[in-house]
Amino acid sequence: MKPLPTPHAFRYALIASLVTASLLAQSPSSNKSAPKAKAADAPRISAPPASPPSTLKQRVGFTDIEITYARPGMKGRKIYGGLVAFGEVWRTGANTATKVTFSTPVKIEGQELPAGSYALYTIPAQKEWTIIFNKVTGEWGAYSYKQENDALRVKVKSVALAQPVETFTININDLRTETATLDLIWEKTRVPVKLHMDAIQNVVAQIDAAMASGQKLAPSAYFTAAMFYYEQGLDLNKARSWIEQATSGDKPLFYMLHGKAKILAKLGDKAGAIGAARQSIAGADGATKAEYTRLNEALIASLQ
């Protein structure tokens, strides 16, 4: 008959069995229900886009213009007549077709286009491009383009550049009160598209309403009206009347006096212009004194 195990032997046997059970429970073969790694947890790789996205915002007159597009690079490739075929509809950039938004109605090369968002497609050619504003935006490339959805088509002559431009660029240049140029620039080609927005008549209507209100206006309102008429080449006699009211107080502001001098000079009143310019110099102070002294002295010199 074998002797019974001692209490210490029982304790060691129990510990050994618990350790064995724990190891078996942790082994892959025994834990078939363990959750698998999700794809979302796997390492990700991110690289810069080949044609970076860009957004251009510009106000012309009272019109807000926003253009969203992707900017491909030449990267040693021939672009027009190569990567971008002549005579075929192009997305005017890369990836999704370029999108243009106008907050007010505009004229494109003299033709009316309602306010709204448009896909900007083009048909490149060696000398004259077709510029297309299409009512369907958000399309990838020009694969789904349909001419029946065009809002406007215009023809624009391209301009040759002396030096190549590596990255496709859209700019809004030649900014005036109600005109600008939408430039499409890449490789050695610039395509200038003329834009026109109604702004002058809008301001004239505001001025007319203010002057007819019968209320006493602030000097700044008379000054704004006078300088707008001066800068836009409108009725200078009205401009003179308003600038006189703007500067009629005991202490007319120096910059308003400078504006008065310019208006009188354009009207041919040299003596009045020189007098107003000298008043402006005398009234200028602080950080602006040097600038307005220079501006007024230049005006005086041009009249003598």
C-alpha atoms as a PDB file:
ATOM      1  CA  MET A   1       0.000   0.000   0.000  1.00  0.00           C
ATOM      2  CA  LYS A   2       1.387   3.359  -1.118  1.00  0.00           C
ATOM      3  CA  PRO A   3       1.660   6.100   1.443  1.00  0.00           C
ATOM      4  CA  LEU A   4      -0.759   9.050   1.111  1.00  0.00           C
ATOM      5  CA  PRO A   5       0.659  12.281  -0.377  1.00  0.00           C
ATOM      6  CA  THR A   6       1.600  14.926   2.089  1.00  0.00           C
ATOM      7  CA  PRO A   7      -0.290  18.268   2.150  1.00  0.00           C
ATOM      8  CA  HIS A   8       2.705  19.932   0.450  1.00  0.00           C
ATOM      9  CA  ALA A   9       2.501  17.451  -2.433  1.00  0.00           C
ATOM     10  CA  PHE A  10      -1.189  18.260  -2.970  1.00  0.00           C
ATOM     11  CA  ARG A  11      -0.393  21.962  -3.065  1.00  0.00           C
ATOM     12  CA  TYR A  12       2.388  21.530  -5.680  1.00  0.00           C
ATOM     13  CA  ALA A  13       0.183  19.304  -7.857  1.00  0.00           C
ATOM     14  CA  LEU A  14      -2.655  21.844  -7.772  1.00  0.00           C
ATOM     15  CA  ILE A  15      -0.363  24.735  -8.780  1.00  0.00           C
ATOM     16  CA  ALA A  16       1.111  22.728 -11.651  1.00  0.00           C
ATOM     17  CA  SER A  17      -2.333  21.864 -13.045  1.00  0.00           C
ATOM     18  CA  LEU A  18      -3.468  25.502 -12.899  1.00  0.00           C
ATOM     19  CA  VAL A  19      -0.363  26.722 -14.757  1.00  0.00           C
ATOM     20  CA  THR A  20      -0.816  24.077 -17.458  1.00  0.00           C
ATOM     21  CA  ALA A  21      -4.477  24.997 -17.947  1.00  0.00           C
ATOM     22  CA  SER A  22      -3.566  28.687 -18.226  1.00  0.00           C
ATOM     23  CA  LEU A  23      -0.929  28.057 -20.902  1.00  0.00           C
ATOM     24  CA  LEU A  24      -3.303  25.900 -22.917  1.00  0.00           C
ATOM     25  CA  ALA A  25      -5.987  28.563 -22.749  1.00  0.00           C
ATOM     26  CA  GLN A  26      -3.542  31.186 -24.135  1.00  0.00           C
ATOM     27  CA  SER A  27      -2.268  29.059 -27.043  1.00  0.00           C
ATOM     28  CA  PRO A  28      -3.622  29.970 -30.553  1.00  0.00           C
ATOM     29  CA  SER A  29      -4.757  26.408 -31.220  1.00  0.00           C
ATOM     30  CA  SER A  30      -6.937  26.306 -28.125  1.00  0.00           C
ATOM     31  CA  ASN A  31      -8.413  29.837 -28.505  1.00  0.00           C
ATOM     32  CA  LYS A  32     -10.359  29.507 -31.754  1.00  0.00           C
ATOM     33  CA  SER A  33     -12.849  32.222 -30.789  1.00  0.00           C
ATOM     34  CA  ALA A  34     -10.243  35.030 -30.325  1.00  0.00           C
ATOM     35  CA  PRO A  35     -11.170  38.140 -32.405  1.00  0.00           C
ATOM     36  CA  LYS A  36      -9.200  38.667 -35.622  1.00  0.00           C
ATOM     37  CA  ALA A  37      -7.451  41.986 -36.403  1.00  0.00           C
ATOM     38  CA  LYS A  38      -9.757  44.311 -38.364  1.00  0.00           C
ATOM     39  CA  ALA A  39      -8.701  45.782 -41.707  1.00  0.00           C
ATOM     40  CA  ALA A  40      -9.197  49.229 -40.203  1.00  0.00           C
ATOM     41  CA  ASP A  41      -6.465  48.447 -37.699  1.00  0.00           C
ATOM     42  CA  ALA A  42      -3.948  47.567 -40.391  1.00  0.00           C
ATOM     43  CA  PRO A  43      -1.154  50.064 -41.196  1.00  0.00           C
ATOM     44  CA  ARG A  44      -2.049  52.703 -43.767  1.00  0.00           C
ATOM     45  CA  ILE A  45       0.117  54.394 -46.369  1.00  0.00           C
ATOM     46  CA  SER A  46      -0.510  57.986 -47.450  1.00  0.00           C
ATOM     47  CA  ALA A  47       1.194  59.809 -50.313  1.00  0.00           C
ATOM     48  CA  PRO A  48       0.851  63.392 -51.604  1.00  0.00           C
ATOM     49  CA  PRO A  49      -1.610  63.759 -54.509  1.00  0.00           C
ATOM     50  CA  ALA A  50      -0.072  63.832 -57.965  1.00  0.00           C
ATOM     51  CA  SER A  51      -2.299  66.807 -58.842  1.00  0.00           C
ATOM     52  CA  PRO A  52      -2.852  68.826 -55.648  1.00  0.00           C
ATOM     53  CA  PRO A  53      -6.306  70.373 -55.136  1.00  0.00           C
ATOM     54  CA  SER A  54      -6.592  74.157 -55.088  1.00  0.00           C
ATOM     55  CA  THR A  55      -9.284  76.752 -54.392  1.00  0.00           C
ATOM     56  CA  LEU A  56      -9.199  80.286 -55.775  1.00  0.00           C
ATOM     57  CA  LYS A  57     -11.485  82.996 -54.384  1.00  0.00           C
ATOM     58  CA  GLN A  58     -11.739  86.495 -55.809  1.00  0.00           C
ATOM     59  CA  ARG A  59     -14.231  89.354 -55.622  1.00  0.00           C
ATOM     60  CA  VAL A  60     -14.699  91.511 -58.708  1.00  0.00           C
ATOM     61  CA  GLY A  61     -17.043  94.429 -58.141  1.00  0.00           C
ATOM     62  CA  PHE A  62     -19.872  92.858 -56.147  1.00  0.00           C
ATOM     63  CA  THR A  63     -19.352  89.390 -57.620  1.00  0.00           C
ATOM     64  CA  ASP A  64     -17.688  86.612 -55.629  1.00  0.00           C
ATOM     65  CA  ILE A  65     -15.899  84.053 -57.793  1.00  0.00           C
ATOM     66  CA  GLU A  66     -14.743  80.675 -56.455  1.00  0.00           C
ATOM     67  CA  ILE A  67     -12.804  78.129 -58.510  1.00  0.00           C
ATOM     68  CA  THR A  68     -11.936  74.628 -57.270  1.00  0.00           C
ATOM     69  CA  TYR A  69      -9.601  72.505 -59.368  1.00  0.00           C
ATOM     70  CA  ALA A  70      -6.691  70.071 -59.333  1.00  0.00           C
ATOM     71  CA  ARG A  71      -3.263  71.192 -60.561  1.00  0.00           C
ATOM     72  CA  PRO A  72      -1.331  68.659 -62.651  1.00  0.00           C
ATOM     73  CA  GLY A  73       2.330  69.213 -63.540  1.00  0.00           C
ATOM     74  CA  MET A  74       4.219  68.873 -66.808  1.00  0.00           C
ATOM     75  CA  LYS A  75       6.752  66.434 -65.304  1.00  0.00           C
ATOM     76  CA  GLY A  76       8.662  66.244 -68.550  1.00  0.00           C
ATOM     77  CA  ARG A  77       5.584  65.496 -70.644  1.00  0.00           C
ATOM     78  CA  LYS A  78       4.301  67.266 -73.741  1.00  0.00           C
ATOM     79  CA  ILE A  79       0.989  68.776 -72.671  1.00  0.00           C
ATOM     80  CA  TYR A  80      -1.087  70.295 -75.457  1.00  0.00           C
ATOM     81  CA  GLY A  81      -1.246  68.021 -78.439  1.00  0.00           C
ATOM     82  CA  GLY A  82       0.156  65.276 -76.212  1.00  0.00           C
ATOM     83  CA  LEU A  83      -1.213  64.553 -72.746  1.00  0.00           C
ATOM     84  CA  VAL A  84      -4.132  66.921 -73.496  1.00  0.00           C
ATOM     85  CA  ALA A  85      -5.364  66.215 -77.015  1.00  0.00           C
ATOM     86  CA  PHE A  86      -6.322  68.997 -79.397  1.00  0.00           C
ATOM     87  CA  GLY A  87      -9.967  68.970 -80.444  1.00  0.00           C
ATOM     88  CA  GLU A  88     -11.237  66.937 -77.476  1.00  0.00           C
ATOM     89  CA  VAL A  89     -13.162  68.009 -74.380  1.00  0.00           C
ATOM     90  CA  TRP A  90     -10.834  68.439 -71.388  1.00  0.00           C
ATOM     91  CA  ARG A  91     -11.675  68.677 -67.694  1.00  0.00           C
ATOM     92  CA  THR A  92      -9.448  71.810 -67.481  1.00  0.00           C
ATOM     93  CA  GLY A  93      -7.188  70.379 -64.823  1.00  0.00           C
ATOM     94  CA  ALA A  94      -7.058  66.898 -63.305  1.00  0.00           C
ATOM     95  CA  ASN A  95      -9.344  64.511 -61.425  1.00  0.00           C
ATOM     96  CA  THR A  96     -12.850  66.041 -61.039  1.00  0.00           C
ATOM     97  CA  ALA A  97     -13.691  68.646 -63.669  1.00  0.00           C
ATOM     98  CA  THR A  98     -12.861  72.196 -62.581  1.00  0.00           C
ATOM     99  CA  LYS A  99     -15.776  73.973 -60.868  1.00  0.00           C
ATOM    100  CA  VAL A 100     -16.477  77.710 -61.155  1.00  0.00           C
ATOM    101  CA  THR A 101     -19.051  79.578 -59.062  1.00  0.00           C
ATOM    102  CA  PHE A 102     -20.314  83.134 -59.694  1.00  0.00           C
ATOM    103  CA  SER A 103     -22.442  84.821 -57.032  1.00  0.00           C
ATOM    104  CA  THR A 104     -24.093  87.157 -59.557  1.00  0.00           C
ATOM    105  CA  PRO A 105     -24.835  87.051 -63.275  1.00  0.00           C
ATOM    106  CA  VAL A 106     -21.726  87.718 -65.377  1.00  0.00           C
ATOM    107  CA  LYS A 107     -20.723  88.158 -68.994  1.00  0.00           C
ATOM    108  CA  ILE A 108     -18.142  85.784 -70.446  1.00  0.00           C
ATOM    109  CA  GLU A 109     -16.554  87.252 -73.564  1.00  0.00           C
ATOM    110  CA  GLY A 110     -19.636  89.477 -73.830  1.00  0.00           C
ATOM    111  CA  GLN A 111     -22.171  86.658 -73.460  1.00  0.00           C
ATOM    112  CA  GLU A 112     -24.569  86.378 -70.511  1.00  0.00           C
ATOM    113  CA  LEU A 113     -24.132  83.633 -67.903  1.00  0.00           C
ATOM    114  CA  PRO A 114     -26.531  83.383 -64.920  1.00  0.00           C
ATOM    115  CA  ALA A 115     -25.241  83.224 -61.350  1.00  0.00           C
ATOM    116  CA  GLY A 116     -24.462  79.691 -60.191  1.00  0.00           C
ATOM    117  CA  SER A 117     -21.933  76.858 -60.265  1.00  0.00           C
ATOM    118  CA  TYR A 118     -20.586  75.343 -63.463  1.00  0.00           C
ATOM    119  CA  ALA A 119     -18.117  72.701 -64.572  1.00  0.00           C
ATOM    120  CA  LEU A 120     -15.418  74.398 -66.617  1.00  0.00           C
ATOM    121  CA  TYR A 121     -14.578  72.274 -69.645  1.00  0.00           C
ATOM    122  CA  THR A 122     -12.391  73.339 -72.547  1.00  0.00           C
ATOM    123  CA  ILE A 123     -11.550  72.128 -76.023  1.00  0.00           C
ATOM    124  CA  PRO A 124      -7.888  73.050 -76.623  1.00  0.00           C
ATOM    125  CA  ALA A 125      -6.648  73.923 -80.098  1.00  0.00           C
ATOM    126  CA  GLN A 126      -3.426  75.373 -81.437  1.00  0.00           C
ATOM    127  CA  LYS A 127      -4.773  78.910 -81.833  1.00  0.00           C
ATOM    128  CA  GLU A 128      -8.365  79.144 -80.577  1.00  0.00           C
ATOM    129  CA  TRP A 129      -9.911  77.345 -77.628  1.00  0.00           C
ATOM    130  CA  THR A 130     -13.544  76.599 -76.847  1.00  0.00           C
ATOM    131  CA  ILE A 131     -14.464  77.531 -73.268  1.00  0.00           C
ATOM    132  CA  ILE A 132     -17.459  75.613 -71.893  1.00  0.00           C
ATOM    133  CA  PHE A 133     -19.563  76.314 -68.798  1.00  0.00           C
ATOM    134  CA  ASN A 134     -21.577  73.160 -68.162  1.00  0.00           C
ATOM    135  CA  LYS A 135     -24.474  72.898 -65.706  1.00  0.00           C
ATOM    136  CA  VAL A 136     -23.463  69.465 -64.341  1.00  0.00           C
ATOM    137  CA  THR A 137     -20.673  69.672 -61.742  1.00  0.00           C
ATOM    138  CA  GLY A 138     -18.794  67.011 -59.783  1.00  0.00           C
ATOM    139  CA  GLU A 139     -18.065  64.674 -62.702  1.00  0.00           C
ATOM    140  CA  TRP A 140     -14.750  62.807 -62.783  1.00  0.00           C
ATOM    141  CA  GLY A 141     -12.835  63.852 -65.876  1.00  0.00           C
ATOM    142  CA  ALA A 142     -14.836  64.558 -69.027  1.00  0.00           C
ATOM    143  CA  TYR A 143     -16.047  60.998 -69.513  1.00  0.00           C
ATOM    144  CA  SER A 144     -19.680  61.827 -68.698  1.00  0.00           C
ATOM    145  CA  TYR A 145     -19.709  65.253 -70.343  1.00  0.00           C
ATOM    146  CA  LYS A 146     -22.804  66.013 -72.411  1.00  0.00           C
ATOM    147  CA  GLN A 147     -23.017  69.055 -74.654  1.00  0.00           C
ATOM    148  CA  GLU A 148     -26.768  69.260 -74.054  1.00  0.00           C
ATOM    149  CA  ASN A 149     -25.995  70.411 -70.499  1.00  0.00           C
ATOM    150  CA  ASP A 150     -23.868  73.361 -71.613  1.00  0.00           C
ATOM    151  CA  ALA A 151     -24.939  76.731 -70.258  1.00  0.00           C
ATOM    152  CA  LEU A 152     -22.498  78.662 -72.446  1.00  0.00           C
ATOM    153  CA  ARG A 153     -19.742  78.156 -75.019  1.00  0.00           C
ATOM    154  CA  VAL A 154     -17.328  80.873 -76.170  1.00  0.00           C
ATOM    155  CA  LYS A 155     -14.229  80.970 -78.358  1.00  0.00           C
ATOM    156  CA  VAL A 156     -10.966  82.468 -77.048  1.00  0.00           C
ATOM    157  CA  LYS A 157      -7.636  82.861 -78.794  1.00  0.00           C
ATOM    158  CA  SER A 158      -4.662  81.455 -76.902  1.00  0.00           C
ATOM    159  CA  VAL A 159      -1.455  83.395 -76.222  1.00  0.00           C
ATOM    160  CA  ALA A 160       2.022  81.869 -76.494  1.00  0.00           C
ATOM    161  CA  LEU A 161       4.326  82.237 -73.485  1.00  0.00           C
ATOM    162  CA  ALA A 162       8.077  82.738 -73.708  1.00  0.00           C
ATOM    163  CA  GLN A 163       8.783  80.434 -70.762  1.00  0.00           C
ATOM    164  CA  PRO A 164       6.993  77.218 -69.797  1.00  0.00           C
ATOM    165  CA  VAL A 165       4.813  77.028 -66.687  1.00  0.00           C
ATOM    166  CA  GLU A 166       5.318  73.695 -64.923  1.00  0.00           C
ATOM    167  CA  THR A 167       2.053  73.492 -62.955  1.00  0.00           C
ATOM    168  CA  PHE A 168      -1.406  74.098 -64.405  1.00  0.00           C
ATOM    169  CA  THR A 169      -2.637  77.415 -63.006  1.00  0.00           C
ATOM    170  CA  ILE A 170      -5.915  79.318 -63.033  1.00  0.00           C
ATOM    171  CA  ASN A 171      -5.697  83.004 -62.096  1.00  0.00           C
ATOM    172  CA  ILE A 172      -8.019  86.007 -62.090  1.00  0.00           C
ATOM    173  CA  ASN A 173      -6.059  89.043 -63.247  1.00  0.00           C
ATOM    174  CA  ASP A 174      -6.510  92.569 -64.668  1.00  0.00           C
ATOM    175  CA  LEU A 175      -8.936  93.453 -61.877  1.00  0.00           C
ATOM    176  CA  ARG A 176     -11.086  96.542 -62.430  1.00  0.00           C
ATOM    177  CA  THR A 177     -14.334  97.743 -60.885  1.00  0.00           C
ATOM    178  CA  GLU A 178     -16.437  95.434 -63.040  1.00  0.00           C
ATOM    179  CA  THR A 179     -14.035  93.525 -65.301  1.00  0.00           C
ATOM    180  CA  ALA A 180     -11.314  90.897 -64.952  1.00  0.00           C
ATOM    181  CA  THR A 181      -9.491  88.212 -66.928  1.00  0.00           C
ATOM    182  CA  LEU A 182      -9.754  84.512 -66.122  1.00  0.00           C
ATOM    183  CA  ASP A 183      -6.383  83.060 -67.173  1.00  0.00           C
ATOM    184  CA  LEU A 184      -5.763  79.369 -67.889  1.00  0.00           C
ATOM    185  CA  ILE A 185      -1.981  78.864 -67.863  1.00  0.00           C
ATOM    186  CA  TRP A 186       0.116  75.767 -68.518  1.00  0.00           C
ATOM    187  CA  GLU A 187       3.152  74.714 -70.487  1.00  0.00           C
ATOM    188  CA  LYS A 188       3.772  77.652 -72.876  1.00  0.00           C
ATOM    189  CA  THR A 189       0.148  78.662 -73.349  1.00  0.00           C
ATOM    190  CA  ARG A 190      -2.139  81.214 -71.690  1.00  0.00           C
ATOM    191  CA  VAL A 191      -5.858  81.342 -72.467  1.00  0.00           C
ATOM    192  CA  PRO A 192      -7.338  84.698 -71.340  1.00  0.00           C
ATOM    193  CA  VAL A 193     -11.116  84.691 -70.814  1.00  0.00           C
ATOM    194  CA  LYS A 194     -12.707  88.133 -70.371  1.00  0.00           C
ATOM    195  CA  LEU A 195     -15.197  88.582 -67.523  1.00  0.00           C
ATOM    196  CA  HIS A 196     -17.635  91.441 -66.983  1.00  0.00           C
ATOM    197  CA  MET A 197     -19.849  92.066 -63.938  1.00  0.00           C
ATOM    198  CA  ASP A 198     -22.347  94.906 -63.498  1.00  0.00           C
ATOM    199  CA  ALA A 199     -21.120  97.039 -60.596  1.00  0.00           C
ATOM    200  CA  ILE A 200     -20.992 100.703 -61.656  1.00  0.00           C
ATOM    201  CA  GLN A 201     -24.746 101.061 -62.183  1.00  0.00           C
ATOM    202  CA  ASN A 202     -25.312  99.412 -58.819  1.00  0.00           C
ATOM    203  CA  VAL A 203     -23.178 102.053 -57.075  1.00  0.00           C
ATOM    204  CA  VAL A 204     -24.674 104.910 -59.106  1.00  0.00           C
ATOM    205  CA  ALA A 205     -28.153 103.790 -58.021  1.00  0.00           C
ATOM    206  CA  GLN A 206     -27.032 103.806 -54.382  1.00  0.00           C
ATOM    207  CA  ILE A 207     -25.577 107.307 -54.736  1.00  0.00           C
ATOM    208  CA  ASP A 208     -28.702 108.608 -56.451  1.00  0.00           C
ATOM    209  CA  ALA A 209     -30.892 107.186 -53.695  1.00  0.00           C
ATOM    210  CA  ALA A 210     -28.703 108.666 -50.944  1.00  0.00           C
ATOM    211  CA  MET A 211     -28.603 112.112 -52.540  1.00  0.00           C
ATOM    212  CA  ALA A 212     -32.373 112.090 -53.113  1.00  0.00           C
ATOM    213  CA  SER A 213     -33.168 110.980 -49.557  1.00  0.00           C
ATOM    214  CA  GLY A 214     -33.261 114.531 -48.214  1.00  0.00           C
ATOM    215  CA  GLN A 215     -31.204 113.445 -45.207  1.00  0.00           C
ATOM    216  CA  LYS A 216     -27.966 115.066 -44.114  1.00  0.00           C
ATOM    217  CA  LEU A 217     -25.178 112.760 -45.158  1.00  0.00           C
ATOM    218  CA  ALA A 218     -21.853 112.236 -43.401  1.00  0.00           C
ATOM    219  CA  PRO A 219     -18.742 113.734 -45.064  1.00  0.00           C
ATOM    220  CA  SER A 220     -17.555 110.180 -45.747  1.00  0.00           C
ATOM    221  CA  ALA A 221     -20.655 109.484 -47.875  1.00  0.00           C
ATOM    222  CA  TYR A 222     -20.072 112.591 -50.011  1.00  0.00           C
ATOM    223  CA  PHE A 223     -16.379 111.672 -50.300  1.00  0.00           C
ATOM    224  CA  THR A 224     -17.146 108.085 -51.385  1.00  0.00           C
ATOM    225  CA  ALA A 225     -19.590 109.309 -54.026  1.00  0.00           C
ATOM    226  CA  ALA A 226     -17.203 111.977 -55.336  1.00  0.00           C
ATOM    227  CA  MET A 227     -14.210 109.644 -55.607  1.00  0.00           C
ATOM    228  CA  PHE A 228     -16.251 106.889 -57.258  1.00  0.00           C
ATOM    229  CA  TYR A 229     -17.377 109.289 -59.970  1.00  0.00           C
ATOM    230  CA  TYR A 230     -13.788 110.543 -60.345  1.00  0.00           C
ATOM    231  CA  GLU A 231     -12.269 107.064 -60.602  1.00  0.00           C
ATOM    232  CA  GLN A 232     -14.903 105.762 -63.029  1.00  0.00           C
ATOM    233  CA  GLY A 233     -14.751 108.808 -65.299  1.00  0.00           C
ATOM    234  CA  LEU A 234     -18.369 109.787 -64.622  1.00  0.00           C
ATOM    235  CA  ASP A 235     -19.871 113.280 -64.172  1.00  0.00           C
ATOM    236  CA  LEU A 236     -17.014 115.349 -62.676  1.00  0.00           C
ATOM    237  CA  ASN A 237     -19.285 118.307 -61.931  1.00  0.00           C
ATOM    238  CA  LYS A 238     -21.289 116.067 -59.595  1.00  0.00           C
ATOM    239  CA  ALA A 239     -18.011 114.814 -58.124  1.00  0.00           C
ATOM    240  CA  ARG A 240     -16.915 118.412 -57.467  1.00  0.00           C
ATOM    241  CA  SER A 241     -20.227 119.249 -55.779  1.00  0.00           C
ATOM    242  CA  TRP A 242     -19.969 116.253 -53.471  1.00  0.00           C
ATOM    243  CA  ILE A 243     -16.291 116.772 -52.604  1.00  0.00           C
ATOM    244  CA  GLU A 244     -17.075 120.388 -51.705  1.00  0.00           C
ATOM    245  CA  GLN A 245     -19.665 119.130 -49.238  1.00  0.00           C
ATOM    246  CA  ALA A 246     -17.287 116.495 -47.882  1.00  0.00           C
ATOM    247  CA  THR A 247     -14.626 119.161 -47.127  1.00  0.00           C
ATOM    248  CA  SER A 248     -16.888 122.029 -46.077  1.00  0.00           C
ATOM    249  CA  GLY A 249     -16.401 121.706 -42.318  1.00  0.00           C
ATOM    250  CA  ASP A 250     -13.991 123.585 -40.045  1.00  0.00           C
ATOM    251  CA  LYS A 251     -11.442 120.771 -40.109  1.00  0.00           C
ATOM    252  CA  PRO A 252     -11.680 118.843 -43.379  1.00  0.00           C
ATOM    253  CA  LEU A 253      -9.737 115.604 -43.412  1.00  0.00           C
ATOM    254  CA  PHE A 254      -6.397 115.710 -45.249  1.00  0.00           C
ATOM    255  CA  TYR A 255      -7.124 112.685 -47.441  1.00  0.00           C
ATOM    256  CA  MET A 256     -10.443 114.211 -48.532  1.00  0.00           C
ATOM    257  CA  LEU A 257      -8.599 117.414 -49.438  1.00  0.00           C
ATOM    258  CA  HIS A 258      -6.204 115.355 -51.541  1.00  0.00           C
ATOM    259  CA  GLY A 259      -9.203 113.836 -53.312  1.00  0.00           C
ATOM    260  CA  LYS A 260     -10.572 117.327 -53.887  1.00  0.00           C
ATOM    261  CA  ALA A 261      -7.255 118.384 -55.422  1.00  0.00           C
ATOM    262  CA  LYS A 262      -7.371 115.461 -57.876  1.00  0.00           C
ATOM    263  CA  ILE A 263     -10.944 116.211 -58.928  1.00  0.00           C
ATOM    264  CA  LEU A 264     -10.254 119.917 -59.455  1.00  0.00           C
ATOM    265  CA  ALA A 265      -7.094 119.101 -61.389  1.00  0.00           C
ATOM    266  CA  LYS A 266      -9.032 116.812 -63.724  1.00  0.00           C
ATOM    267  CA  LEU A 267     -11.583 119.584 -64.246  1.00  0.00           C
ATOM    268  CA  GLY A 268      -8.764 121.972 -65.226  1.00  0.00           C
ATOM    269  CA  ASP A 269      -8.980 124.154 -62.115  1.00  0.00           C
ATOM    270  CA  LYS A 270      -5.231 124.278 -61.449  1.00  0.00           C
ATOM    271  CA  ALA A 271      -5.364 127.043 -58.834  1.00  0.00           C
ATOM    272  CA  GLY A 272      -8.093 125.295 -56.874  1.00  0.00           C
ATOM    273  CA  ALA A 273      -6.273 121.964 -57.085  1.00  0.00           C
ATOM    274  CA  ILE A 274      -2.976 123.445 -55.846  1.00  0.00           C
ATOM    275  CA  GLY A 275      -4.780 125.164 -52.967  1.00  0.00           C
ATOM    276  CA  ALA A 276      -6.492 121.951 -51.907  1.00  0.00           C
ATOM    277  CA  ALA A 277      -3.220 120.025 -52.170  1.00  0.00           C
ATOM    278  CA  ARG A 278      -1.459 122.530 -49.900  1.00  0.00           C
ATOM    279  CA  GLN A 279      -4.302 122.300 -47.389  1.00  0.00           C
ATOM    280  CA  SER A 280      -3.917 118.524 -47.450  1.00  0.00           C
ATOM    281  CA  ILE A 281      -0.182 118.789 -46.708  1.00  0.00           C
ATOM    282  CA  ALA A 282      -0.873 121.152 -43.801  1.00  0.00           C
ATOM    283  CA  GLY A 283      -3.540 118.860 -42.356  1.00  0.00           C
ATOM    284  CA  ALA A 284      -1.634 115.591 -42.621  1.00  0.00           C
ATOM    285  CA  ASP A 285       0.048 114.366 -39.459  1.00  0.00           C
ATOM    286  CA  GLY A 286       1.561 111.318 -37.834  1.00  0.00           C
ATOM    287  CA  ALA A 287       2.528 108.321 -39.931  1.00  0.00           C
ATOM    288  CA  THR A 288       0.577 109.605 -42.952  1.00  0.00           C
ATOM    289  CA  LYS A 289       2.272 113.006 -43.222  1.00  0.00           C
ATOM    290  CA  ALA A 290       5.232 111.871 -45.307  1.00  0.00           C
ATOM    291  CA  GLU A 291       3.036 109.881 -47.706  1.00  0.00           C
ATOM    292  CA  TYR A 292       0.490 112.646 -48.302  1.00  0.00           C
ATOM    293  CA  THR A 293       3.189 115.300 -48.529  1.00  0.00           C
ATOM    294  CA  ARG A 294       4.783 113.282 -51.333  1.00  0.00           C
ATOM    295  CA  LEU A 295       1.463 112.677 -53.119  1.00  0.00           C
ATOM    296  CA  ASN A 296       0.366 116.300 -52.946  1.00  0.00           C
ATOM    297  CA  GLU A 297       3.767 117.676 -53.944  1.00  0.00           C
ATOM    298  CA  ALA A 298       3.743 115.395 -56.976  1.00  0.00           C
ATOM    299  CA  LEU A 299       0.276 116.645 -57.920  1.00  0.00           C
ATOM    300  CA  ILE A 300       1.335 120.276 -57.491  1.00  0.00           C
ATOM    301  CA  ALA A 301       4.439 119.712 -59.620  1.00  0.00           C
ATOM    302  CA  SER A 302       2.316 118.215 -62.403  1.00  0.00           C
ATOM    303  CA  LEU A 303       0.171 121.360 -62.496  1.00  0.00           C
ATOM    304  CA  GLN A 304       2.965 123.938 -62.596  1.00  0.00           C
END
